[in-house]
C-alpha atoms as a PDB file:
ATOM      1  CA  MET A   1      11.200-260.000 -59.207  1.00  0.00           C
ATOM      2  CA  LYS A   2       7.980-260.364 -61.109  1.00  0.00           C
ATOM      3  CA  ARG A   3       5.202-258.133 -59.816  1.00  0.00           C
ATOM      4  CA  PRO A   4       2.245-260.065 -58.371  1.00  0.00           C
ATOM      5  CA  LYS A   5      -1.258-259.678 -59.700  1.00  0.00           C
ATOM      6  CA  GLY A   6      -2.361-258.524 -56.261  1.00  0.00           C
ATOM      7  CA  GLN A   7      -5.651-260.370 -56.006  1.00  0.00           C
ATOM      8  CA  GLY A   8      -6.880-260.675 -52.417  1.00  0.00           C
ATOM      9  CA  ILE A   9      -7.728-264.144 -51.116  1.00  0.00           C
ATOM     10  CA  ILE A  10     -10.730-264.488 -48.829  1.00  0.00           C
ATOM     11  CA  ASP A  11     -13.297-267.050 -47.750  1.00  0.00           C
ATOM     12  CA  PRO A  12     -16.039-266.782 -50.418  1.00  0.00           C
ATOM     13  CA  ARG A  13     -18.835-268.118 -48.220  1.00  0.00           C
ATOM     14  CA  GLY A  14     -21.697-265.669 -47.800  1.00  0.00           C
ATOM     15  CA  ILE A  15     -20.316-263.137 -50.245  1.00  0.00           C
ATOM     16  CA  ARG A  16     -20.319-262.451 -53.953  1.00  0.00           C
ATOM     17  CA  GLN A  17     -17.878-260.484 -56.044  1.00  0.00           C
ATOM     18  CA  ILE A  18     -19.097-257.207 -57.518  1.00  0.00           C
ATOM     19  CA  ALA A  19     -18.504-256.720 -61.204  1.00  0.00           C
ATOM     20  CA  MET A  20     -17.280-253.142 -61.605  1.00  0.00           C
ATOM     21  CA  GLN A  21     -19.112-251.137 -64.237  1.00  0.00           C
ATOM     22  CA  ALA A  22     -17.492-251.430 -67.662  1.00  0.00           C
ATOM     23  CA  TRP A  23     -16.391-247.868 -68.295  1.00  0.00           C
ATOM     24  CA  LEU A  24     -16.819-246.350 -71.713  1.00  0.00           C
ATOM     25  CA  PHE A  25     -13.563-246.041 -73.619  1.00  0.00           C
ATOM     26  CA  SER A  26     -13.513-242.257 -73.626  1.00  0.00           C
ATOM     27  CA  SER A  27     -11.626-239.220 -72.403  1.00  0.00           C
ATOM     28  CA  LEU A  28     -11.565-238.621 -68.674  1.00  0.00           C
ATOM     29  CA  LEU A  29     -10.523-236.161 -66.012  1.00  0.00           C
ATOM     30  CA  ALA A  30     -11.783-238.260 -63.124  1.00  0.00           C
ATOM     31  CA  GLY A  31     -13.798-236.615 -60.400  1.00  0.00           C
ATOM     32  CA  ILE A  32     -14.377-233.253 -62.091  1.00  0.00           C
ATOM     33  CA  LYS A  33     -17.259-231.573 -63.859  1.00  0.00           C
ATOM     34  CA  GLN A  34     -16.654-230.919 -67.507  1.00  0.00           C
ATOM     35  CA  GLY A  35     -17.627-227.244 -67.330  1.00  0.00           C
ATOM     36  CA  ASP A  36     -15.535-225.266 -69.791  1.00  0.00           C
ATOM     37  CA  PHE A  37     -12.905-227.983 -70.143  1.00  0.00           C
ATOM     38  CA  VAL A  38     -12.329-229.636 -73.501  1.00  0.00           C
ATOM     39  CA  MET A  39     -11.725-233.173 -72.349  1.00  0.00           C
ATOM     40  CA  ALA A  40      -9.929-234.760 -75.307  1.00  0.00           C
ATOM     41  CA  PHE A  41      -8.606-234.430 -78.808  1.00  0.00           C
ATOM     42  CA  THR A  42     -10.261-237.181 -80.851  1.00  0.00           C
ATOM     43  CA  LEU A  43      -9.635-238.240 -84.436  1.00  0.00           C
ATOM     44  CA  GLN A  44     -12.229-240.281 -86.301  1.00  0.00           C
ATOM     45  CA  ILE A  45     -10.222-241.995 -89.012  1.00  0.00           C
ATOM     46  CA  ARG A  46     -12.047-243.444 -92.019  1.00  0.00           C
ATOM     47  CA  GLN A  47     -10.366-245.365 -94.805  1.00  0.00           C
ATOM     48  CA  LYS A  48     -11.817-244.195 -98.120  1.00  0.00           C
ATOM     49  CA  LYS A  49     -11.305-247.242-100.322  1.00  0.00           C
ATOM     50  CA  LEU A  50     -14.492-249.273-100.805  1.00  0.00           C
ATOM     51  CA  PHE A  51     -13.079-252.794-100.723  1.00  0.00           C
ATOM     52  CA  GLY A  52     -10.320-254.602 -98.859  1.00  0.00           C
ATOM     53  CA  LYS A  53     -10.313-252.488 -95.712  1.00  0.00           C
ATOM     54  CA  THR A  54      -6.955-252.427 -93.896  1.00  0.00           C
ATOM     55  CA  VAL A  55      -6.905-253.893 -90.393  1.00  0.00           C
ATOM     56  CA  LEU A  56      -4.165-252.216 -88.361  1.00  0.00           C
ATOM     57  CA  ASP A  57      -2.165-254.359 -85.953  1.00  0.00           C
ATOM     58  CA  ILE A  58      -1.666-252.855 -82.475  1.00  0.00           C
ATOM     59  CA  PRO A  59       1.721-254.508 -81.685  1.00  0.00           C
ATOM     60  CA  SER A  60       3.056-253.535 -85.103  1.00  0.00           C
ATOM     61  CA  LEU A  61       1.992-249.899 -84.678  1.00  0.00           C
ATOM     62  CA  ALA A  62       3.630-249.829 -81.249  1.00  0.00           C
ATOM     63  CA  ARG A  63       6.941-251.202 -82.546  1.00  0.00           C
ATOM     64  CA  THR A  64       7.093-248.823 -85.490  1.00  0.00           C
ATOM     65  CA  CYS A  65       6.362-245.746 -83.370  1.00  0.00           C
ATOM     66  CA  GLY A  66       8.575-246.747 -80.413  1.00  0.00           C
ATOM     67  CA  LEU A  67       5.589-247.121 -78.083  1.00  0.00           C
ATOM     68  CA  SER A  68       4.335-249.636 -75.538  1.00  0.00           C
ATOM     69  CA  TYR A  69       0.693-250.570 -75.098  1.00  0.00           C
ATOM     70  CA  GLY A  70      -1.779-252.208 -72.762  1.00  0.00           C
ATOM     71  CA  SER A  71      -5.402-252.190 -71.675  1.00  0.00           C
ATOM     72  CA  ASP A  72      -7.015-250.556 -68.628  1.00  0.00           C
ATOM     73  CA  ASN A  73      -8.725-252.681 -65.998  1.00  0.00           C
ATOM     74  CA  ASP A  74     -11.802-251.522 -64.063  1.00  0.00           C
ATOM     75  CA  PHE A  75      -9.656-249.279 -61.853  1.00  0.00           C
ATOM     76  CA  TYR A  76      -7.791-247.589 -64.739  1.00  0.00           C
ATOM     77  CA  ILE A  77      -4.614-249.511 -63.997  1.00  0.00           C
ATOM     78  CA  LEU A  78      -2.831-250.603 -67.160  1.00  0.00           C
ATOM     79  CA  GLN A  79      -2.462-254.295 -67.964  1.00  0.00           C
ATOM     80  CA  GLU A  80       0.735-254.355 -70.020  1.00  0.00           C
ATOM     81  CA  ASN A  81       0.749-255.868 -73.533  1.00  0.00           C
ATOM     82  CA  GLU A  82      -2.998-256.537 -73.477  1.00  0.00           C
ATOM     83  CA  GLN A  83      -5.700-255.366 -75.870  1.00  0.00           C
ATOM     84  CA  VAL A  84      -9.464-255.728 -75.611  1.00  0.00           C
ATOM     85  CA  ARG A  85     -11.604-256.116 -78.731  1.00  0.00           C
ATOM     86  CA  GLY A  86      -9.265-254.014 -80.832  1.00  0.00           C
ATOM     87  CA  THR A  87      -8.769-251.256 -78.243  1.00  0.00           C
ATOM     88  CA  ALA A  88      -5.575-250.338 -76.419  1.00  0.00           C
ATOM     89  CA  VAL A  89      -3.699-247.549 -74.655  1.00  0.00           C
ATOM     90  CA  PHE A  90      -0.385-246.530 -76.232  1.00  0.00           C
ATOM     91  CA  TYR A  91       2.386-244.772 -74.313  1.00  0.00           C
ATOM     92  CA  ASN A  92       6.037-243.893 -74.774  1.00  0.00           C
ATOM     93  CA  PRO A  93       8.128-245.721 -72.114  1.00  0.00           C
ATOM     94  CA  GLU A  94      10.776-242.986 -72.328  1.00  0.00           C
ATOM     95  CA  ARG A  95       8.315-240.164 -71.566  1.00  0.00           C
ATOM     96  CA  ILE A  96       5.138-241.608 -70.103  1.00  0.00           C
ATOM     97  CA  GLY A  97       2.140-239.296 -70.115  1.00  0.00           C
ATOM     98  CA  ARG A  98      -1.600-239.864 -69.892  1.00  0.00           C
ATOM     99  CA  GLY A  99      -1.916-242.422 -72.660  1.00  0.00           C
ATOM    100  CA  ILE A 100      -3.061-242.382 -76.286  1.00  0.00           C
ATOM    101  CA  PHE A 101      -6.347-244.216 -76.740  1.00  0.00           C
ATOM    102  CA  PHE A 102      -6.755-246.417 -79.805  1.00  0.00           C
ATOM    103  CA  ASP A 103     -10.095-247.921 -80.800  1.00  0.00           C
ATOM    104  CA  GLY A 104      -9.951-250.354 -83.702  1.00  0.00           C
ATOM    105  CA  SER A 105     -13.098-252.267 -82.804  1.00  0.00           C
ATOM    106  CA  LYS A 106     -14.604-251.325 -86.194  1.00  0.00           C
ATOM    107  CA  ALA A 107     -11.452-251.926 -88.213  1.00  0.00           C
ATOM    108  CA  GLY A 108     -13.348-254.252 -90.549  1.00  0.00           C
ATOM    109  CA  GLU A 109     -15.396-251.239 -91.632  1.00  0.00           C
ATOM    110  CA  GLY A 110     -12.273-249.136 -92.155  1.00  0.00           C
ATOM    111  CA  TYR A 111     -13.035-246.970 -89.088  1.00  0.00           C
ATOM    112  CA  TYR A 112     -10.728-246.088 -86.182  1.00  0.00           C
ATOM    113  CA  GLU A 113     -10.617-243.595 -83.346  1.00  0.00           C
ATOM    114  CA  LEU A 114      -7.478-242.137 -81.821  1.00  0.00           C
ATOM    115  CA  SER A 115      -7.501-239.676 -78.903  1.00  0.00           C
ATOM    116  CA  TYR A 116      -5.528-238.138 -76.073  1.00  0.00           C
ATOM    117  CA  ASN A 117      -6.804-236.591 -72.851  1.00  0.00           C
ATOM    118  CA  ILE A 118      -6.447-232.894 -72.109  1.00  0.00           C
ATOM    119  CA  PRO A 119      -4.358-231.695 -70.380  1.00  0.00           C
ATOM    120  CA  THR A 120      -1.435-233.834 -71.459  1.00  0.00           C
ATOM    121  CA  THR A 121       2.253-233.367 -72.172  1.00  0.00           C
ATOM    122  CA  GLU A 122       3.833-231.935 -75.291  1.00  0.00           C
ATOM    123  CA  ALA A 123       5.841-235.146 -75.654  1.00  0.00           C
ATOM    124  CA  GLU A 124       2.642-237.191 -75.766  1.00  0.00           C
ATOM    125  CA  ILE A 125       1.087-234.843 -78.327  1.00  0.00           C
ATOM    126  CA  THR A 126       4.184-235.401 -80.451  1.00  0.00           C
ATOM    127  CA  ASP A 127       3.792-239.181 -80.076  1.00  0.00           C
ATOM    128  CA  PHE A 128       0.098-238.841 -80.981  1.00  0.00           C
ATOM    129  CA  ALA A 129       0.919-236.967 -84.193  1.00  0.00           C
ATOM    130  CA  ARG A 130       3.517-239.575 -85.160  1.00  0.00           C
ATOM    131  CA  LEU A 131       1.079-242.434 -84.480  1.00  0.00           C
ATOM    132  CA  ALA A 132      -1.702-240.745 -86.454  1.00  0.00           C
ATOM    133  CA  GLY A 133       0.718-240.170 -89.318  1.00  0.00           C
ATOM    134  CA  GLU A 134       1.711-243.844 -89.329  1.00  0.00           C
ATOM    135  CA  MET A 135      -1.938-244.893 -89.363  1.00  0.00           C
ATOM    136  CA  GLU A 136      -2.568-242.515 -92.272  1.00  0.00           C
ATOM    137  CA  ARG A 137       0.390-243.997 -94.163  1.00  0.00           C
ATOM    138  CA  ARG A 138      -0.806-247.578 -93.660  1.00  0.00           C
ATOM    139  CA  LEU A 139      -4.423-246.865 -94.542  1.00  0.00           C
ATOM    140  CA  GLY A 140      -3.594-244.996 -97.730  1.00  0.00           C
ATOM    141  CA  ARG A 141      -6.540-242.784 -98.639  1.00  0.00           C
ATOM    142  CA  ALA A 142      -8.102-241.846 -95.301  1.00  0.00           C
ATOM    143  CA  GLU A 143      -9.860-238.919 -93.653  1.00  0.00           C
ATOM    144  CA  MET A 144      -8.877-237.901 -90.117  1.00  0.00           C
ATOM    145  CA  TYR A 145     -11.697-235.810 -88.657  1.00  0.00           C
ATOM    146  CA  CYS A 146     -11.332-234.105 -85.278  1.00  0.00           C
ATOM    147  CA  VAL A 147     -14.572-234.243 -83.298  1.00  0.00           C
ATOM    148  CA  GLU A 148     -13.762-231.351 -80.967  1.00  0.00           C
ATOM    149  CA  GLU A 149     -12.468-228.935 -83.634  1.00  0.00           C
ATOM    150  CA  GLU A 150     -15.001-230.053 -86.260  1.00  0.00           C
ATOM    151  CA  ARG A 151     -12.438-230.236 -89.048  1.00  0.00           C
ATOM    152  CA  SER A 152     -10.161-232.711 -90.782  1.00  0.00           C
ATOM    153  CA  PHE A 153      -6.404-232.934 -90.414  1.00  0.00           C
ATOM    154  CA  THR A 154      -3.585-234.569 -92.322  1.00  0.00           C
ATOM    155  CA  GLY A 155      -0.661-236.143 -90.517  1.00  0.00           C
ATOM    156  CA  ARG A 156       1.533-233.253 -91.621  1.00  0.00           C
ATOM    157  CA  GLU A 157      -0.923-230.672 -90.273  1.00  0.00           C
ATOM    158  CA  LEU A 158      -0.959-232.424 -86.900  1.00  0.00           C
ATOM    159  CA  GLU A 159       2.840-232.241 -86.716  1.00  0.00           C
ATOM    160  CA  GLN A 160       2.824-228.553 -87.640  1.00  0.00           C
ATOM    161  CA  ARG A 161       0.345-227.715 -84.853  1.00  0.00           C
ATOM    162  CA  ILE A 162       2.013-229.605 -81.986  1.00  0.00           C
ATOM    163  CA  GLY A 163       3.044-226.328 -80.367  1.00  0.00           C
ATOM    164  CA  ASN A 164      -0.507-224.951 -80.548  1.00  0.00           C
ATOM    165  CA  PHE A 165      -1.978-228.124 -79.098  1.00  0.00           C
ATOM    166  CA  ALA A 166       0.592-228.060 -76.285  1.00  0.00           C
ATOM    167  CA  GLU A 167      -0.208-224.445 -75.447  1.00  0.00           C
ATOM    168  CA  PHE A 168      -3.921-225.264 -75.218  1.00  0.00           C
ATOM    169  CA  SER A 169      -3.077-228.225 -72.995  1.00  0.00           C
ATOM    170  CA  ARG A 170      -1.065-225.949 -70.699  1.00  0.00           C
ATOM    171  CA  GLU A 171      -3.960-223.483 -70.475  1.00  0.00           C
ATOM    172  CA  SER A 172      -6.325-226.351 -69.672  1.00  0.00           C
ATOM    173  CA  LEU A 173      -3.972-227.533 -66.914  1.00  0.00           C
ATOM    174  CA  ASN A 174      -3.994-224.012 -65.442  1.00  0.00           C
ATOM    175  CA  ARG A 175      -7.800-223.930 -65.424  1.00  0.00           C
ATOM    176  CA  PHE A 176      -8.095-227.443 -64.025  1.00  0.00           C
ATOM    177  CA  CYS A 177      -5.770-226.717 -61.104  1.00  0.00           C
ATOM    178  CA  GLY A 178      -7.336-223.292 -60.570  1.00  0.00           C
ATOM    179  CA  ASN A 179     -10.829-224.642 -59.986  1.00  0.00           C
ATOM    180  CA  LYS A 180     -11.358-224.357 -56.221  1.00  0.00           C
ATOM    181  CA  GLU A 181     -14.654-226.287 -56.286  1.00  0.00           C
ATOM    182  CA  PHE A 182     -12.884-229.625 -56.668  1.00  0.00           C
ATOM    183  CA  LYS A 183     -12.360-231.637 -53.493  1.00  0.00           C
ATOM    184  CA  SER A 184      -9.407-233.285 -55.192  1.00  0.00           C
ATOM    185  CA  HIS A 185      -7.674-233.123 -58.542  1.00  0.00           C
ATOM    186  CA  ILE A 186      -7.369-236.566 -60.139  1.00  0.00           C
ATOM    187  CA  LEU A 187      -5.894-237.445 -63.524  1.00  0.00           C
ATOM    188  CA  THR A 188      -5.961-240.821 -65.202  1.00  0.00           C
ATOM    189  CA  LEU A 189      -2.470-241.481 -66.516  1.00  0.00           C
ATOM    190  CA  ALA A 190      -1.211-244.086 -68.962  1.00  0.00           C
ATOM    191  CA  ARG A 191      -0.347-246.632 -66.237  1.00  0.00           C
ATOM    192  CA  TRP A 192      -2.510-245.657 -63.249  1.00  0.00           C
ATOM    193  CA  PRO A 193      -4.494-242.773 -61.700  1.00  0.00           C
ATOM    194  CA  TYR A 194      -2.783-239.835 -59.988  1.00  0.00           C
ATOM    195  CA  THR A 195      -4.178-237.514 -57.294  1.00  0.00           C
ATOM    196  CA  LEU A 196      -2.345-234.213 -57.366  1.00  0.00           C
ATOM    197  CA  THR A 197      -0.688-232.996 -54.170  1.00  0.00           C
ATOM    198  CA  GLU A 198      -1.393-229.460 -52.983  1.00  0.00           C
ATOM    199  CA  ASP A 199       2.014-228.218 -54.077  1.00  0.00           C
ATOM    200  CA  LYS A 200       1.485-229.507 -57.619  1.00  0.00           C
ATOM    201  CA  VAL A 201      -1.998-227.988 -57.806  1.00  0.00           C
ATOM    202  CA  SER A 202      -0.538-224.628 -56.793  1.00  0.00           C
ATOM    203  CA  ALA A 203       2.431-224.871 -59.154  1.00  0.00           C
ATOM    204  CA  TRP A 204       0.463-226.016 -62.194  1.00  0.00           C
ATOM    205  CA  GLU A 205      -2.261-223.418 -61.715  1.00  0.00           C
ATOM    206  CA  ILE A 206       0.266-220.764 -62.763  1.00  0.00           C
ATOM    207  CA  CYS A 207       2.817-222.736 -64.820  1.00  0.00           C
ATOM    208  CA  THR A 208       3.902-221.171 -68.097  1.00  0.00           C
ATOM    209  CA  ASP A 209       5.053-224.398 -69.735  1.00  0.00           C
ATOM    210  CA  LEU A 210       4.480-228.159 -69.408  1.00  0.00           C
ATOM    211  CA  SER A 211       8.023-229.187 -68.446  1.00  0.00           C
ATOM    212  CA  ASP A 212       7.401-229.960 -64.755  1.00  0.00           C
ATOM    213  CA  PHE A 213       4.058-231.586 -65.585  1.00  0.00           C
ATOM    214  CA  GLU A 214       5.773-233.836 -68.129  1.00  0.00           C
ATOM    215  CA  GLN A 215       8.674-234.749 -65.821  1.00  0.00           C
ATOM    216  CA  THR A 216       6.353-235.493 -62.898  1.00  0.00           C
ATOM    217  CA  LEU A 217       4.007-237.749 -64.868  1.00  0.00           C
ATOM    218  CA  HIS A 218       6.919-239.734 -66.279  1.00  0.00           C
ATOM    219  CA  LYS A 219       8.723-240.045 -62.937  1.00  0.00           C
ATOM    220  CA  LEU A 220       5.570-241.318 -61.205  1.00  0.00           C
ATOM    221  CA  GLN A 221       4.994-243.990 -63.846  1.00  0.00           C
ATOM    222  CA  ALA A 222       8.560-245.094 -64.572  1.00  0.00           C
ATOM    223  CA  LEU A 223       8.707-246.917 -61.231  1.00  0.00           C
ATOM    224  CA  ASP A 224       8.875-250.719 -61.296  1.00  0.00           C
ATOM    225  CA  VAL A 225       6.226-251.166 -58.624  1.00  0.00           C
ATOM    226  CA  TYR A 226       2.934-252.924 -57.974  1.00  0.00           C
ATOM    227  CA  TYR A 227      -0.060-250.544 -57.943  1.00  0.00           C
ATOM    228  CA  ALA A 228      -2.550-252.111 -55.547  1.00  0.00           C
ATOM    229  CA  LYS A 229      -6.108-252.732 -56.644  1.00  0.00           C
ATOM    230  CA  PRO A 230      -8.822-254.133 -54.391  1.00  0.00           C
ATOM    231  CA  ARG A 231     -11.058-257.106 -54.795  1.00  0.00           C
ATOM    232  CA  LEU A 232     -14.561-255.815 -54.057  1.00  0.00           C
ATOM    233  CA  LEU A 233     -16.967-258.209 -52.373  1.00  0.00           C
ATOM    234  CA  GLN A 234     -20.463-257.860 -51.013  1.00  0.00           C
ATOM    235  CA  LYS A 235     -22.154-259.633 -48.129  1.00  0.00           C
ATOM    236  CA  SER A 236     -25.182-261.562 -49.304  1.00  0.00           C
ATOM    237  CA  ASP A 237     -27.325-260.517 -46.341  1.00  0.00           C
ATOM    238  CA  THR A 238     -26.513-256.881 -45.548  1.00  0.00           C
ATOM    239  CA  LYS A 239     -25.193-255.949 -49.036  1.00  0.00           C
ATOM    240  CA  GLU A 240     -22.260-254.182 -47.378  1.00  0.00           C
ATOM    241  CA  ILE A 241     -19.196-253.848 -49.593  1.00  0.00           C
ATOM    242  CA  GLY A 242     -15.681-254.736 -48.495  1.00  0.00           C
ATOM    243  CA  ALA A 243     -12.382-253.896 -50.209  1.00  0.00           C
ATOM    244  CA  PHE A 244      -9.683-256.578 -49.891  1.00  0.00           C
ATOM    245  CA  TYR A 245      -6.016-255.922 -50.669  1.00  0.00           C
ATOM    246  CA  ALA A 246      -2.860-258.076 -50.725  1.00  0.00           C
ATOM    247  CA  LEU A 247       0.690-256.962 -49.896  1.00  0.00           C
ATOM    248  CA  THR A 248       3.426-259.253 -51.200  1.00  0.00           C
ATOM    249  CA  GLU A 249       6.869-259.712 -49.666  1.00  0.00           C
ATOM    250  CA  GLU A 250       9.863-258.088 -51.359  1.00  0.00           C
ATOM    251  CA  CYS A 251       7.603-256.097 -53.667  1.00  0.00           C
ATOM    252  CA  GLU A 252       7.649-252.308 -53.654  1.00  0.00           C
ATOM    253  CA  SER A 253       4.008-251.284 -53.782  1.00  0.00           C
ATOM    254  CA  ILE A 254       1.676-248.313 -54.101  1.00  0.00           C
ATOM    255  CA  PHE A 255      -1.308-248.494 -51.725  1.00  0.00           C
ATOM    256  CA  PRO A 256      -4.136-246.043 -51.041  1.00  0.00           C
ATOM    257  CA  VAL A 257      -4.187-244.404 -47.606  1.00  0.00           C
ATOM    258  CA  ARG A 258      -7.879-245.365 -47.341  1.00  0.00           C
ATOM    259  CA  ALA A 259      -9.479-248.654 -48.303  1.00  0.00           C
ATOM    260  CA  ASP A 260     -11.876-246.790 -50.610  1.00  0.00           C
ATOM    261  CA  GLY A 261      -9.050-244.770 -52.156  1.00  0.00           C
ATOM    262  CA  PHE A 262      -9.223-246.513 -55.549  1.00  0.00           C
ATOM    263  CA  LEU A 263     -10.637-244.679 -58.587  1.00  0.00           C
ATOM    264  CA  ASN A 264     -14.305-245.159 -57.714  1.00  0.00           C
ATOM    265  CA  LEU A 265     -16.277-243.602 -60.564  1.00  0.00           C
ATOM    266  CA  SER A 266     -19.520-245.346 -59.627  1.00  0.00           C
ATOM    267  CA  GLU A 267     -19.195-244.076 -56.041  1.00  0.00           C
ATOM    268  CA  LEU A 268     -19.556-247.482 -54.421  1.00  0.00           C
ATOM    269  CA  LYS A 269     -19.739-247.130 -50.646  1.00  0.00           C
ATOM    270  CA  VAL A 270     -17.055-249.313 -49.068  1.00  0.00           C
ATOM    271  CA  THR A 271     -17.913-250.099 -45.445  1.00  0.00           C
ATOM    272  CA  GLU A 272     -14.779-252.075 -44.524  1.00  0.00           C
ATOM    273  CA  GLY A 273     -11.269-252.644 -45.783  1.00  0.00           C
ATOM    274  CA  PHE A 274      -8.884-255.545 -45.163  1.00  0.00           C
ATOM    275  CA  VAL A 275      -5.387-256.612 -46.140  1.00  0.00           C
ATOM    276  CA  GLN A 276      -3.599-259.948 -46.326  1.00  0.00           C
ATOM    277  CA  PHE A 277       0.101-260.681 -46.700  1.00  0.00           C
ATOM    278  CA  VAL A 278       1.452-262.910 -49.459  1.00  0.00           C
ATOM    279  CA  LEU A 279       4.751-264.801 -49.169  1.00  0.00           C
ATOM    280  CA  TYR A 280       5.901-264.813 -52.761  1.00  0.00           C
ATOM    281  CA  ARG A 281       8.833-267.186 -52.338  1.00  0.00           C
ATOM    282  CA  GLU A 282       6.662-269.772 -50.598  1.00  0.00           C
ATOM    283  CA  GLN A 283       3.675-269.133 -52.888  1.00  0.00           C
ATOM    284  CA  ARG A 284       1.229-268.900 -50.020  1.00  0.00           C
ATOM    285  CA  VAL A 285      -0.874-266.429 -48.085  1.00  0.00           C
ATOM    286  CA  MET A 286      -0.020-265.727 -44.454  1.00  0.00           C
ATOM    287  CA  GLU A 287      -2.710-266.549 -41.954  1.00  0.00           C
ATOM    288  CA  GLY A 288      -4.831-263.572 -40.956  1.00  0.00           C
ATOM    289  CA  MET A 289      -6.907-260.827 -42.517  1.00  0.00           C
ATOM    290  CA  PHE A 290      -6.256-257.411 -40.992  1.00  0.00           C
ATOM    291  CA  PRO A 291      -8.214-254.127 -40.767  1.00  0.00           C
ATOM    292  CA  TYR A 292      -6.994-251.760 -43.433  1.00  0.00           C
ATOM    293  CA  GLU A 293      -6.946-248.598 -41.313  1.00  0.00           C
ATOM    294  CA  ARG A 294      -4.745-250.163 -38.634  1.00  0.00           C
ATOM    295  CA  PHE A 295      -2.478-251.581 -41.344  1.00  0.00           C
ATOM    296  CA  ILE A 296      -1.845-248.086 -42.727  1.00  0.00           C
ATOM    297  CA  GLU A 297      -1.215-246.678 -39.247  1.00  0.00           C
ATOM    298  CA  GLU A 298       1.349-249.374 -38.383  1.00  0.00           C
ATOM    299  CA  LEU A 299       3.215-248.885 -41.673  1.00  0.00           C
ATOM    300  CA  ARG A 300       4.516-245.501 -40.567  1.00  0.00           C
ATOM    301  CA  GLY A 301       7.506-247.178 -38.967  1.00  0.00           C
ATOM    302  CA  TYR A 302       8.554-249.054 -42.105  1.00  0.00           C
ATOM    303  CA  GLY A 303       9.914-246.248 -44.259  1.00  0.00           C
ATOM    304  CA  VAL A 304       6.847-245.529 -46.367  1.00  0.00           C
ATOM    305  CA  ARG A 305       6.844-242.417 -48.549  1.00  0.00           C
ATOM    306  CA  GLN A 306       4.114-240.317 -50.085  1.00  0.00           C
ATOM    307  CA  PHE A 307       3.341-241.214 -53.679  1.00  0.00           C
ATOM    308  CA  ASP A 308       0.541-238.737 -54.314  1.00  0.00           C
ATOM    309  CA  ALA A 309      -2.217-237.071 -52.289  1.00  0.00           C
ATOM    310  CA  ASP A 310      -4.107-240.365 -51.848  1.00  0.00           C
ATOM    311  CA  HIS A 311      -1.381-243.043 -51.974  1.00  0.00           C
ATOM    312  CA  ILE A 312       1.813-244.141 -50.252  1.00  0.00           C
ATOM    313  CA  LEU A 313       4.828-246.030 -51.573  1.00  0.00           C
ATOM    314  CA  ILE A 314       5.613-249.075 -49.409  1.00  0.00           C
ATOM    315  CA  PRO A 315       9.228-250.308 -49.642  1.00  0.00           C
ATOM    316  CA  PRO A 316       9.926-254.022 -50.189  1.00  0.00           C
ATOM    317  CA  MET A 317       9.188-255.896 -46.950  1.00  0.00           C
ATOM    318  CA  THR A 318      10.767-259.185 -45.919  1.00  0.00           C
ATOM    319  CA  LYS A 319       8.932-262.207 -44.563  1.00  0.00           C
ATOM    320  CA  ASP A 320      10.166-261.353 -41.064  1.00  0.00           C
ATOM    321  CA  GLU A 321       8.882-257.799 -41.345  1.00  0.00           C
ATOM    322  CA  LEU A 322       5.497-258.974 -42.557  1.00  0.00           C
ATOM    323  CA  GLU A 323       5.259-261.474 -39.716  1.00  0.00           C
ATOM    324  CA  LYS A 324       6.110-258.774 -37.152  1.00  0.00           C
ATOM    325  CA  LEU A 325       3.577-256.433 -38.718  1.00  0.00           C
ATOM    326  CA  ALA A 326       0.941-259.172 -38.634  1.00  0.00           C
ATOM    327  CA  GLY A 327       1.687-259.695 -34.944  1.00  0.00           C
ATOM    328  CA  LYS A 328       0.998-256.028 -34.235  1.00  0.00           C
ATOM    329  CA  LEU A 329      -2.289-256.182 -36.138  1.00  0.00           C
ATOM    330  CA  CYS A 330      -3.649-259.293 -34.425  1.00  0.00           C
END
């Protein structure tokens, strides 16, 4: 069935919706200090011809390179087949990694940026090189300058250095997982954020290749599930912030174990969390708005599984199951 958009429904009286900060379209290892980490590999691509600048088409690039694309929302959850002002996130549906970031907002000036986050998978580095090469072919005479390495590359040179880039990515993964100062290890992936479990942190601190990293990232994102995002609202009098979620019948879903468990880069303090149940077949919301913490506690008897360190995977629930759960939460 079609995945729902997951927007919570509440009485808007006395509250206003908070507009999440518009995050800069840049590289990110969420929740960590940059320190000695090189955060991304970024190409600034400039077309050299003076007149008739080439405007690259995102869907066309995706088709040619065997990629899918979308645009991140405020919670770094991908909105499939969307682009925003010439920007998009590319990914390979057969080997999903952390996403390749394309910025064509200045295409009219013959300027583009293409980047991937570090650490990433060798497969995604290969996809990046192929995409950069296709852009170079379409633009004709163009310079591809790497910001971090302070040098220019050709498409062929990128392909020849895939192994070197992958080795650096593996070393960066080791350092990232080996940093004991971090309260948690969070990566933004192509489709949604991922909080590493303790066993993965331990394994990837000493890994000698990227194979398990690559398999894990793809497996986590290849699921046909709804990744829950909250609607954030603020009381007009006390300014307290609430996070409101919606669970839909017959829809396998990923939910945070805490109401404030979304990727919260601006560190908004959520004072309360609530959940409502949506009956998809009847296109209506069940009566009742339930405390989020109790909702998570009661779910333990419904076959939930761990998704990552901060999220659970809720199996599809029938109308009867949702009604029984609502009865327990009343």
